[in-house]
Amino acid sequence: MSNPTTEALTGVANPPVAKPTAAVHAARAKGDFKGRKLLMGSLLPLIILGGWQYVSGTGIVDPMLFPAPSSIAREFYNMIVSGELFRHLEISVLRALLGFLLGGSLGLLFGLAVGMFNRVEEIVDPTVQMIRTVPLLAITPLFILWFGFGETSKILLIALGAFFPLYVNTFLGVRNVDSKLFDVARVLEFKRVNQMWRLVLPAAMPNVLLGLRLSISIAWLVLVVAELMGAERGIGYLIQDARSFMRTEVVFIGIILFAAVGKLTDSLVRVLERRLLKWRDSYKG
């Protein structure tokens, strides 16, 4: 019912209050879902940290072997202030990035070539699959003998680890492309480059992005091994050095850094996945 006073002053009745649209309701529901998801995801870590602080602070476990989160946070702050942490993190990120770019790009190219051409598969794939089954720890001594303890051996070892996930998943992605799409490409007279760029890569993209995520995680895993073999800087070296001097807080800081950076890079790939695979109508759970 309209207000007579307002009508007398303005000469018009009160306008009807606009109701929230379906888009507004959807945005609110999405925001509530994200908030609930964040809360649920942080619940278990908070419980673990609380229990950890209690058992370490009360002396139930030896603080030298299992330091309290507050002690780790204090050491973390000191290392940030001194600049020690960033010096080691910088070189580790650079090593992982160079190794991943080298191994990942080669894995993508080889996977595309082997997937597209049967003759290349017959020549290349048996050798690659044989090398893939060899543990990286068994190859590490050879890399030290061939390339020494310098950066070359570390980057090449990381590249080798990053190569196989992208190679295998790209190869499978190409072979899973619907054969009818190639018939359409022949009708449209696509050149080989256009066929690769406009047909094969988009169709194989789910597998390629999965290989990318696995490749990044393997690169971080191999980085630890690479930095334990005679490095003078890096997070792996920091962990090894801290173990020698019983600086358990620093060991935990190194582990947490590996976990945090690995999770960050994986999340970035998932964002890329959502953008590139908007067309895919898959089950969301």
C-alpha atoms as a PDB file:
ATOM      1  CA  MET A   1       0.000   0.000   0.000  1.00  0.00           C
ATOM      2  CA  SER A   2       1.455   3.426  -0.987  1.00  0.00           C
ATOM      3  CA  ASN A   3       2.351   6.157   1.520  1.00  0.00           C
ATOM      4  CA  PRO A   4      -0.059   9.213   1.150  1.00  0.00           C
ATOM      5  CA  THR A   5       2.560  11.665   2.421  1.00  0.00           C
ATOM      6  CA  THR A   6       5.085  10.544  -0.157  1.00  0.00           C
ATOM      7  CA  GLU A   7       2.474  10.704  -2.891  1.00  0.00           C
ATOM      8  CA  ALA A   8       1.530  14.278  -1.911  1.00  0.00           C
ATOM      9  CA  LEU A   9       5.152  15.441  -2.023  1.00  0.00           C
ATOM     10  CA  THR A  10       6.273  13.656  -5.154  1.00  0.00           C
ATOM     11  CA  GLY A  11       3.033  13.302  -7.039  1.00  0.00           C
ATOM     12  CA  VAL A  12       3.702   9.623  -7.748  1.00  0.00           C
ATOM     13  CA  ALA A  13       3.040   6.442  -5.881  1.00  0.00           C
ATOM     14  CA  ASN A  14       5.897   4.505  -4.298  1.00  0.00           C
ATOM     15  CA  PRO A  15       7.594   2.406  -6.973  1.00  0.00           C
ATOM     16  CA  PRO A  16       7.359  -1.347  -6.459  1.00  0.00           C
ATOM     17  CA  VAL A  17      10.412  -2.933  -4.854  1.00  0.00           C
ATOM     18  CA  ALA A  18      12.311  -5.006  -7.408  1.00  0.00           C
ATOM     19  CA  LYS A  19      12.627  -8.656  -6.506  1.00  0.00           C
ATOM     20  CA  PRO A  20      16.002 -10.396  -6.849  1.00  0.00           C
ATOM     21  CA  THR A  21      16.392 -12.026 -10.229  1.00  0.00           C
ATOM     22  CA  ALA A  22      17.369 -15.632 -10.815  1.00  0.00           C
ATOM     23  CA  ALA A  23      20.926 -14.492 -11.661  1.00  0.00           C
ATOM     24  CA  VAL A  24      21.220 -12.714  -8.278  1.00  0.00           C
ATOM     25  CA  HIS A  25      19.977 -15.832  -6.473  1.00  0.00           C
ATOM     26  CA  ALA A  26      22.480 -17.959  -8.409  1.00  0.00           C
ATOM     27  CA  ALA A  27      25.342 -15.580  -7.539  1.00  0.00           C
ATOM     28  CA  ARG A  28      24.405 -15.639  -3.854  1.00  0.00           C
ATOM     29  CA  ALA A  29      24.157 -19.426  -3.864  1.00  0.00           C
ATOM     30  CA  LYS A  30      27.561 -19.660  -5.561  1.00  0.00           C
ATOM     31  CA  GLY A  31      29.102 -17.335  -2.981  1.00  0.00           C
ATOM     32  CA  ASP A  32      27.568 -19.326  -0.109  1.00  0.00           C
ATOM     33  CA  PHE A  33      28.859 -22.560  -1.672  1.00  0.00           C
ATOM     34  CA  LYS A  34      32.410 -21.184  -1.984  1.00  0.00           C
ATOM     35  CA  GLY A  35      32.342 -19.940   1.602  1.00  0.00           C
ATOM     36  CA  ARG A  36      31.079 -23.290   2.875  1.00  0.00           C
ATOM     37  CA  LYS A  37      33.648 -25.143   0.780  1.00  0.00           C
ATOM     38  CA  LEU A  38      36.470 -22.995   2.184  1.00  0.00           C
ATOM     39  CA  LEU A  39      35.221 -23.532   5.727  1.00  0.00           C
ATOM     40  CA  MET A  40      34.943 -27.292   5.313  1.00  0.00           C
ATOM     41  CA  GLY A  41      38.348 -27.491   3.656  1.00  0.00           C
ATOM     42  CA  SER A  42      40.061 -25.612   6.497  1.00  0.00           C
ATOM     43  CA  LEU A  43      38.314 -27.530   9.296  1.00  0.00           C
ATOM     44  CA  LEU A  44      40.550 -30.614   9.303  1.00  0.00           C
ATOM     45  CA  PRO A  45      43.869 -28.646   9.095  1.00  0.00           C
ATOM     46  CA  LEU A  46      42.762 -26.469  12.031  1.00  0.00           C
ATOM     47  CA  ILE A  47      41.935 -29.562  14.110  1.00  0.00           C
ATOM     48  CA  ILE A  48      45.312 -31.109  13.251  1.00  0.00           C
ATOM     49  CA  LEU A  49      47.176 -27.887  14.128  1.00  0.00           C
ATOM     50  CA  GLY A  50      45.316 -27.571  17.437  1.00  0.00           C
ATOM     51  CA  GLY A  51      46.104 -31.149  18.423  1.00  0.00           C
ATOM     52  CA  TRP A  52      49.698 -30.761  17.253  1.00  0.00           C
ATOM     53  CA  GLN A  53      50.175 -27.598  19.340  1.00  0.00           C
ATOM     54  CA  TYR A  54      48.710 -29.320  22.396  1.00  0.00           C
ATOM     55  CA  VAL A  55      50.839 -32.495  22.311  1.00  0.00           C
ATOM     56  CA  SER A  56      54.032 -30.499  21.595  1.00  0.00           C
ATOM     57  CA  GLY A  57      53.343 -27.745  24.111  1.00  0.00           C
ATOM     58  CA  THR A  58      52.496 -30.131  26.943  1.00  0.00           C
ATOM     59  CA  GLY A  59      55.563 -32.305  26.348  1.00  0.00           C
ATOM     60  CA  ILE A  60      53.639 -35.429  25.345  1.00  0.00           C
ATOM     61  CA  VAL A  61      56.048 -35.679  22.404  1.00  0.00           C
ATOM     62  CA  ASP A  62      59.640 -34.470  22.246  1.00  0.00           C
ATOM     63  CA  PRO A  63      59.625 -30.850  20.919  1.00  0.00           C
ATOM     64  CA  MET A  64      63.058 -31.453  19.415  1.00  0.00           C
ATOM     65  CA  LEU A  65      61.655 -34.131  17.119  1.00  0.00           C
ATOM     66  CA  PHE A  66      58.123 -32.729  16.761  1.00  0.00           C
ATOM     67  CA  PRO A  67      58.212 -28.942  17.309  1.00  0.00           C
ATOM     68  CA  ALA A  68      55.000 -27.027  17.955  1.00  0.00           C
ATOM     69  CA  PRO A  69      53.385 -25.049  15.099  1.00  0.00           C
ATOM     70  CA  SER A  70      54.070 -21.819  17.027  1.00  0.00           C
ATOM     71  CA  SER A  71      57.786 -22.655  17.103  1.00  0.00           C
ATOM     72  CA  ILE A  72      57.761 -23.426  13.360  1.00  0.00           C
ATOM     73  CA  ALA A  73      55.936 -20.144  12.649  1.00  0.00           C
ATOM     74  CA  ARG A  74      58.515 -18.223  14.686  1.00  0.00           C
ATOM     75  CA  GLU A  75      61.415 -19.819  12.792  1.00  0.00           C
ATOM     76  CA  PHE A  76      59.581 -19.168   9.510  1.00  0.00           C
ATOM     77  CA  TYR A  77      59.301 -15.468  10.381  1.00  0.00           C
ATOM     78  CA  ASN A  78      63.010 -15.264  11.293  1.00  0.00           C
ATOM     79  CA  MET A  79      64.012 -16.859   7.982  1.00  0.00           C
ATOM     80  CA  ILE A  80      61.833 -14.403   6.041  1.00  0.00           C
ATOM     81  CA  VAL A  81      63.315 -11.412   7.885  1.00  0.00           C
ATOM     82  CA  SER A  82      66.889 -12.624   7.305  1.00  0.00           C
ATOM     83  CA  GLY A  83      66.184 -13.320   3.607  1.00  0.00           C
ATOM     84  CA  GLU A  84      67.511 -16.878   3.904  1.00  0.00           C
ATOM     85  CA  LEU A  85      64.195 -18.434   2.882  1.00  0.00           C
ATOM     86  CA  PHE A  86      63.771 -16.441  -0.328  1.00  0.00           C
ATOM     87  CA  ARG A  87      67.338 -17.181  -1.470  1.00  0.00           C
ATOM     88  CA  HIS A  88      66.681 -20.915  -1.317  1.00  0.00           C
ATOM     89  CA  LEU A  89      63.122 -20.704  -2.656  1.00  0.00           C
ATOM     90  CA  GLU A  90      64.197 -18.641  -5.667  1.00  0.00           C
ATOM     91  CA  ILE A  91      66.745 -21.164  -6.894  1.00  0.00           C
ATOM     92  CA  SER A  92      64.362 -24.102  -6.295  1.00  0.00           C
ATOM     93  CA  VAL A  93      61.548 -22.477  -8.272  1.00  0.00           C
ATOM     94  CA  LEU A  94      63.975 -21.645 -11.103  1.00  0.00           C
ATOM     95  CA  ARG A  95      65.271 -25.220 -11.261  1.00  0.00           C
ATOM     96  CA  ALA A  96      61.779 -26.700 -11.243  1.00  0.00           C
ATOM     97  CA  LEU A  97      60.558 -24.231 -13.878  1.00  0.00           C
ATOM     98  CA  LEU A  98      63.454 -24.840 -16.279  1.00  0.00           C
ATOM     99  CA  GLY A  99      63.251 -28.608 -15.876  1.00  0.00           C
ATOM    100  CA  PHE A 100      59.489 -28.617 -16.323  1.00  0.00           C
ATOM    101  CA  LEU A 101      59.582 -26.386 -19.425  1.00  0.00           C
ATOM    102  CA  LEU A 102      62.232 -28.575 -21.042  1.00  0.00           C
ATOM    103  CA  GLY A 103      60.740 -31.957 -20.163  1.00  0.00           C
ATOM    104  CA  GLY A 104      57.087 -30.921 -20.486  1.00  0.00           C
ATOM    105  CA  SER A 105      57.463 -29.330 -23.907  1.00  0.00           C
ATOM    106  CA  LEU A 106      59.346 -32.369 -25.223  1.00  0.00           C
ATOM    107  CA  GLY A 107      56.724 -34.682 -23.719  1.00  0.00           C
ATOM    108  CA  LEU A 108      53.938 -32.720 -25.443  1.00  0.00           C
ATOM    109  CA  LEU A 109      55.685 -32.742 -28.827  1.00  0.00           C
ATOM    110  CA  PHE A 110      56.623 -36.421 -28.667  1.00  0.00           C
ATOM    111  CA  GLY A 111      53.132 -37.345 -27.459  1.00  0.00           C
ATOM    112  CA  LEU A 112      51.527 -35.514 -30.385  1.00  0.00           C
ATOM    113  CA  ALA A 113      53.907 -37.053 -32.912  1.00  0.00           C
ATOM    114  CA  VAL A 114      53.544 -40.608 -31.581  1.00  0.00           C
ATOM    115  CA  GLY A 115      49.761 -40.242 -31.334  1.00  0.00           C
ATOM    116  CA  MET A 116      49.396 -38.889 -34.879  1.00  0.00           C
ATOM    117  CA  PHE A 117      51.740 -41.212 -36.772  1.00  0.00           C
ATOM    118  CA  ASN A 118      51.873 -44.992 -36.441  1.00  0.00           C
ATOM    119  CA  ARG A 119      55.395 -45.175 -37.856  1.00  0.00           C
ATOM    120  CA  VAL A 120      56.692 -42.782 -35.170  1.00  0.00           C
ATOM    121  CA  GLU A 121      54.927 -44.859 -32.523  1.00  0.00           C
ATOM    122  CA  GLU A 122      56.623 -48.036 -33.740  1.00  0.00           C
ATOM    123  CA  ILE A 123      60.056 -46.379 -33.569  1.00  0.00           C
ATOM    124  CA  VAL A 124      59.807 -44.189 -30.456  1.00  0.00           C
ATOM    125  CA  ASP A 125      57.195 -45.573 -28.059  1.00  0.00           C
ATOM    126  CA  PRO A 126      58.848 -48.914 -27.085  1.00  0.00           C
ATOM    127  CA  THR A 127      62.074 -47.142 -26.064  1.00  0.00           C
ATOM    128  CA  VAL A 128      60.237 -44.397 -24.155  1.00  0.00           C
ATOM    129  CA  GLN A 129      58.075 -46.921 -22.304  1.00  0.00           C
ATOM    130  CA  MET A 130      61.144 -48.932 -21.362  1.00  0.00           C
ATOM    131  CA  ILE A 131      62.941 -45.881 -19.952  1.00  0.00           C
ATOM    132  CA  ARG A 132      59.756 -44.800 -18.149  1.00  0.00           C
ATOM    133  CA  THR A 133      59.800 -47.955 -16.015  1.00  0.00           C
ATOM    134  CA  VAL A 134      63.318 -47.249 -14.708  1.00  0.00           C
ATOM    135  CA  PRO A 135      63.208 -45.518 -11.271  1.00  0.00           C
ATOM    136  CA  LEU A 136      64.655 -42.011 -11.327  1.00  0.00           C
ATOM    137  CA  LEU A 137      66.732 -42.782  -8.246  1.00  0.00           C
ATOM    138  CA  ALA A 138      68.523 -45.478 -10.253  1.00  0.00           C
ATOM    139  CA  ILE A 139      69.371 -42.950 -12.996  1.00  0.00           C
ATOM    140  CA  THR A 140      70.594 -40.240 -10.597  1.00  0.00           C
ATOM    141  CA  PRO A 141      74.156 -41.650 -10.219  1.00  0.00           C
ATOM    142  CA  LEU A 142      74.535 -41.693 -14.005  1.00  0.00           C
ATOM    143  CA  PHE A 143      73.497 -38.044 -14.253  1.00  0.00           C
ATOM    144  CA  ILE A 144      76.096 -37.159 -11.621  1.00  0.00           C
ATOM    145  CA  LEU A 145      78.797 -39.074 -13.545  1.00  0.00           C
ATOM    146  CA  TRP A 146      77.824 -37.541 -16.896  1.00  0.00           C
ATOM    147  CA  PHE A 147      77.030 -33.949 -15.913  1.00  0.00           C
ATOM    148  CA  GLY A 148      78.616 -33.503 -12.478  1.00  0.00           C
ATOM    149  CA  PHE A 149      77.014 -31.827  -9.463  1.00  0.00           C
ATOM    150  CA  GLY A 150      76.181 -28.579 -11.273  1.00  0.00           C
ATOM    151  CA  GLU A 151      72.859 -27.165 -12.403  1.00  0.00           C
ATOM    152  CA  THR A 152      72.838 -29.144 -15.661  1.00  0.00           C
ATOM    153  CA  SER A 153      72.385 -32.537 -13.976  1.00  0.00           C
ATOM    154  CA  LYS A 154      69.633 -31.209 -11.699  1.00  0.00           C
ATOM    155  CA  ILE A 155      67.634 -29.548 -14.484  1.00  0.00           C
ATOM    156  CA  LEU A 156      67.959 -32.570 -16.770  1.00  0.00           C
ATOM    157  CA  LEU A 157      66.839 -34.922 -14.009  1.00  0.00           C
ATOM    158  CA  ILE A 158      63.758 -32.759 -13.366  1.00  0.00           C
ATOM    159  CA  ALA A 159      63.100 -32.598 -17.120  1.00  0.00           C
ATOM    160  CA  LEU A 160      63.217 -36.383 -17.353  1.00  0.00           C
ATOM    161  CA  GLY A 161      60.656 -36.702 -14.573  1.00  0.00           C
ATOM    162  CA  ALA A 162      58.379 -34.069 -16.139  1.00  0.00           C
ATOM    163  CA  PHE A 163      58.595 -35.648 -19.603  1.00  0.00           C
ATOM    164  CA  PHE A 164      56.708 -38.908 -19.071  1.00  0.00           C
ATOM    165  CA  PRO A 165      53.329 -37.742 -17.640  1.00  0.00           C
ATOM    166  CA  LEU A 166      52.788 -35.271 -20.477  1.00  0.00           C
ATOM    167  CA  TYR A 167      54.016 -37.741 -23.079  1.00  0.00           C
ATOM    168  CA  VAL A 168      51.723 -40.581 -21.959  1.00  0.00           C
ATOM    169  CA  ASN A 169      48.621 -38.425 -21.443  1.00  0.00           C
ATOM    170  CA  THR A 170      49.072 -36.513 -24.707  1.00  0.00           C
ATOM    171  CA  PHE A 171      49.522 -39.784 -26.603  1.00  0.00           C
ATOM    172  CA  LEU A 172      46.360 -41.220 -25.016  1.00  0.00           C
ATOM    173  CA  GLY A 173      44.467 -37.986 -25.637  1.00  0.00           C
ATOM    174  CA  VAL A 174      45.276 -38.039 -29.343  1.00  0.00           C
ATOM    175  CA  ARG A 175      44.302 -41.681 -29.665  1.00  0.00           C
ATOM    176  CA  ASN A 176      40.983 -40.993 -27.883  1.00  0.00           C
ATOM    177  CA  VAL A 177      39.946 -38.363 -30.456  1.00  0.00           C
ATOM    178  CA  ASP A 178      36.793 -39.436 -32.310  1.00  0.00           C
ATOM    179  CA  SER A 179      37.823 -40.828 -35.705  1.00  0.00           C
ATOM    180  CA  LYS A 180      34.781 -39.174 -37.315  1.00  0.00           C
ATOM    181  CA  LEU A 181      36.410 -35.791 -36.659  1.00  0.00           C
ATOM    182  CA  PHE A 182      39.309 -36.791 -38.904  1.00  0.00           C
ATOM    183  CA  ASP A 183      36.804 -37.681 -41.646  1.00  0.00           C
ATOM    184  CA  VAL A 184      35.334 -34.185 -41.310  1.00  0.00           C
ATOM    185  CA  ALA A 185      38.826 -32.692 -41.476  1.00  0.00           C
ATOM    186  CA  ARG A 186      39.505 -34.564 -44.723  1.00  0.00           C
ATOM    187  CA  VAL A 187      36.241 -33.306 -46.207  1.00  0.00           C
ATOM    188  CA  LEU A 188      37.157 -29.731 -45.231  1.00  0.00           C
ATOM    189  CA  GLU A 189      40.655 -30.323 -46.671  1.00  0.00           C
ATOM    190  CA  PHE A 190      42.475 -29.317 -43.497  1.00  0.00           C
ATOM    191  CA  LYS A 191      46.220 -29.176 -43.780  1.00  0.00           C
ATOM    192  CA  ARG A 192      48.208 -31.181 -41.244  1.00  0.00           C
ATOM    193  CA  VAL A 193      48.978 -28.075 -39.150  1.00  0.00           C
ATOM    194  CA  ASN A 194      45.320 -26.998 -39.051  1.00  0.00           C
ATOM    195  CA  GLN A 195      44.299 -30.549 -38.264  1.00  0.00           C
ATOM    196  CA  MET A 196      46.679 -30.591 -35.312  1.00  0.00           C
ATOM    197  CA  TRP A 197      45.825 -27.095 -34.041  1.00  0.00           C
ATOM    198  CA  ARG A 198      42.040 -26.980 -34.607  1.00  0.00           C
ATOM    199  CA  LEU A 199      41.085 -30.636 -34.196  1.00  0.00           C
ATOM    200  CA  VAL A 200      43.546 -32.803 -32.299  1.00  0.00           C
ATOM    201  CA  LEU A 201      44.686 -30.429 -29.553  1.00  0.00           C
ATOM    202  CA  PRO A 202      41.178 -29.225 -28.522  1.00  0.00           C
ATOM    203  CA  ALA A 203      39.849 -32.786 -28.450  1.00  0.00           C
ATOM    204  CA  ALA A 204      42.876 -34.083 -26.523  1.00  0.00           C
ATOM    205  CA  MET A 205      42.965 -31.090 -24.146  1.00  0.00           C
ATOM    206  CA  PRO A 206      41.440 -32.918 -21.106  1.00  0.00           C
ATOM    207  CA  ASN A 207      44.221 -35.507 -21.231  1.00  0.00           C
ATOM    208  CA  VAL A 208      46.893 -32.879 -21.912  1.00  0.00           C
ATOM    209  CA  LEU A 209      45.855 -30.813 -18.893  1.00  0.00           C
ATOM    210  CA  LEU A 210      45.818 -33.926 -16.722  1.00  0.00           C
ATOM    211  CA  GLY A 211      49.336 -34.685 -17.928  1.00  0.00           C
ATOM    212  CA  LEU A 212      50.300 -31.084 -17.153  1.00  0.00           C
ATOM    213  CA  ARG A 213      49.143 -31.405 -13.553  1.00  0.00           C
ATOM    214  CA  LEU A 214      50.967 -34.709 -13.099  1.00  0.00           C
ATOM    215  CA  SER A 215      54.076 -33.340 -14.787  1.00  0.00           C
ATOM    216  CA  ILE A 216      54.253 -30.345 -12.445  1.00  0.00           C
ATOM    217  CA  SER A 217      53.837 -32.554  -9.374  1.00  0.00           C
ATOM    218  CA  ILE A 218      56.556 -34.944 -10.578  1.00  0.00           C
ATOM    219  CA  ALA A 219      58.861 -31.974 -11.280  1.00  0.00           C
ATOM    220  CA  TRP A 220      58.529 -30.874  -7.634  1.00  0.00           C
ATOM    221  CA  LEU A 221      59.090 -34.442  -6.467  1.00  0.00           C
ATOM    222  CA  VAL A 222      62.259 -34.868  -8.517  1.00  0.00           C
ATOM    223  CA  LEU A 223      63.460 -31.414  -7.413  1.00  0.00           C
ATOM    224  CA  VAL A 224      63.887 -32.780  -3.881  1.00  0.00           C
ATOM    225  CA  VAL A 225      66.037 -35.641  -5.173  1.00  0.00           C
ATOM    226  CA  ALA A 226      68.029 -33.275  -7.401  1.00  0.00           C
ATOM    227  CA  GLU A 227      68.757 -30.848  -4.566  1.00  0.00           C
ATOM    228  CA  LEU A 228      69.874 -33.602  -2.229  1.00  0.00           C
ATOM    229  CA  MET A 229      72.712 -34.579  -4.579  1.00  0.00           C
ATOM    230  CA  GLY A 230      75.387 -32.028  -3.801  1.00  0.00           C
ATOM    231  CA  ALA A 231      73.430 -28.766  -4.033  1.00  0.00           C
ATOM    232  CA  GLU A 232      74.595 -25.660  -2.200  1.00  0.00           C
ATOM    233  CA  ARG A 233      71.263 -23.809  -2.358  1.00  0.00           C
ATOM    234  CA  GLY A 234      67.594 -24.687  -2.630  1.00  0.00           C
ATOM    235  CA  ILE A 235      64.811 -25.956  -0.393  1.00  0.00           C
ATOM    236  CA  GLY A 236      66.047 -29.550  -0.669  1.00  0.00           C
ATOM    237  CA  TYR A 237      69.516 -28.469   0.440  1.00  0.00           C
ATOM    238  CA  LEU A 238      67.915 -26.456   3.260  1.00  0.00           C
ATOM    239  CA  ILE A 239      66.122 -29.574   4.511  1.00  0.00           C
ATOM    240  CA  GLN A 240      69.287 -31.679   4.289  1.00  0.00           C
ATOM    241  CA  ASP A 241      71.372 -29.065   6.092  1.00  0.00           C
ATOM    242  CA  ALA A 242      68.716 -28.622   8.800  1.00  0.00           C
ATOM    243  CA  ARG A 243      68.606 -32.390   9.372  1.00  0.00           C
ATOM    244  CA  SER A 244      72.364 -32.423   9.973  1.00  0.00           C
ATOM    245  CA  PHE A 245      72.087 -29.749  12.676  1.00  0.00           C
ATOM    246  CA  MET A 246      68.804 -31.033  14.188  1.00  0.00           C
ATOM    247  CA  ARG A 247      66.893 -27.898  13.146  1.00  0.00           C
ATOM    248  CA  THR A 248      63.598 -29.743  12.946  1.00  0.00           C
ATOM    249  CA  GLU A 249      61.579 -26.535  12.536  1.00  0.00           C
ATOM    250  CA  VAL A 250      63.448 -25.785   9.303  1.00  0.00           C
ATOM    251  CA  VAL A 251      62.770 -29.313   8.014  1.00  0.00           C
ATOM    252  CA  PHE A 252      59.043 -28.760   8.546  1.00  0.00           C
ATOM    253  CA  ILE A 253      59.284 -25.335   6.873  1.00  0.00           C
ATOM    254  CA  GLY A 254      60.854 -26.931   3.786  1.00  0.00           C
ATOM    255  CA  ILE A 255      58.157 -29.600   3.639  1.00  0.00           C
ATOM    256  CA  ILE A 256      55.394 -27.010   4.039  1.00  0.00           C
ATOM    257  CA  LEU A 257      56.936 -24.853   1.290  1.00  0.00           C
ATOM    258  CA  PHE A 258      57.028 -27.772  -1.134  1.00  0.00           C
ATOM    259  CA  ALA A 259      53.401 -28.550  -0.311  1.00  0.00           C
ATOM    260  CA  ALA A 260      52.267 -24.912  -0.621  1.00  0.00           C
ATOM    261  CA  VAL A 261      54.023 -24.197  -3.924  1.00  0.00           C
ATOM    262  CA  GLY A 262      52.895 -27.543  -5.343  1.00  0.00           C
ATOM    263  CA  LYS A 263      49.291 -26.816  -4.367  1.00  0.00           C
ATOM    264  CA  LEU A 264      49.515 -23.291  -5.833  1.00  0.00           C
ATOM    265  CA  THR A 265      50.762 -24.517  -9.212  1.00  0.00           C
ATOM    266  CA  ASP A 266      48.155 -27.292  -9.264  1.00  0.00           C
ATOM    267  CA  SER A 267      45.408 -24.741  -8.542  1.00  0.00           C
ATOM    268  CA  LEU A 268      46.631 -22.536 -11.395  1.00  0.00           C
ATOM    269  CA  VAL A 269      46.383 -25.477 -13.794  1.00  0.00           C
ATOM    270  CA  ARG A 270      42.862 -26.201 -12.528  1.00  0.00           C
ATOM    271  CA  VAL A 271      41.860 -22.593 -13.241  1.00  0.00           C
ATOM    272  CA  LEU A 272      43.279 -23.013 -16.750  1.00  0.00           C
ATOM    273  CA  GLU A 273      41.366 -26.279 -17.030  1.00  0.00           C
ATOM    274  CA  ARG A 274      38.061 -24.594 -16.167  1.00  0.00           C
ATOM    275  CA  ARG A 275      38.654 -21.875 -18.767  1.00  0.00           C
ATOM    276  CA  LEU A 276      39.730 -24.174 -21.598  1.00  0.00           C
ATOM    277  CA  LEU A 277      37.186 -26.907 -20.935  1.00  0.00           C
ATOM    278  CA  LYS A 278      34.023 -24.817 -20.549  1.00  0.00           C
ATOM    279  CA  TRP A 279      32.488 -26.814 -23.395  1.00  0.00           C
ATOM    280  CA  ARG A 280      32.725 -30.091 -21.484  1.00  0.00           C
ATOM    281  CA  ASP A 281      29.503 -31.089 -19.732  1.00  0.00           C
ATOM    282  CA  SER A 282      30.950 -33.445 -17.124  1.00  0.00           C
ATOM    283  CA  TYR A 283      29.668 -34.751 -13.806  1.00  0.00           C
ATOM    284  CA  LYS A 284      30.322 -32.223 -11.002  1.00  0.00           C
ATOM    285  CA  GLY A 285      29.576 -34.518  -8.063  1.00  0.00           C
END
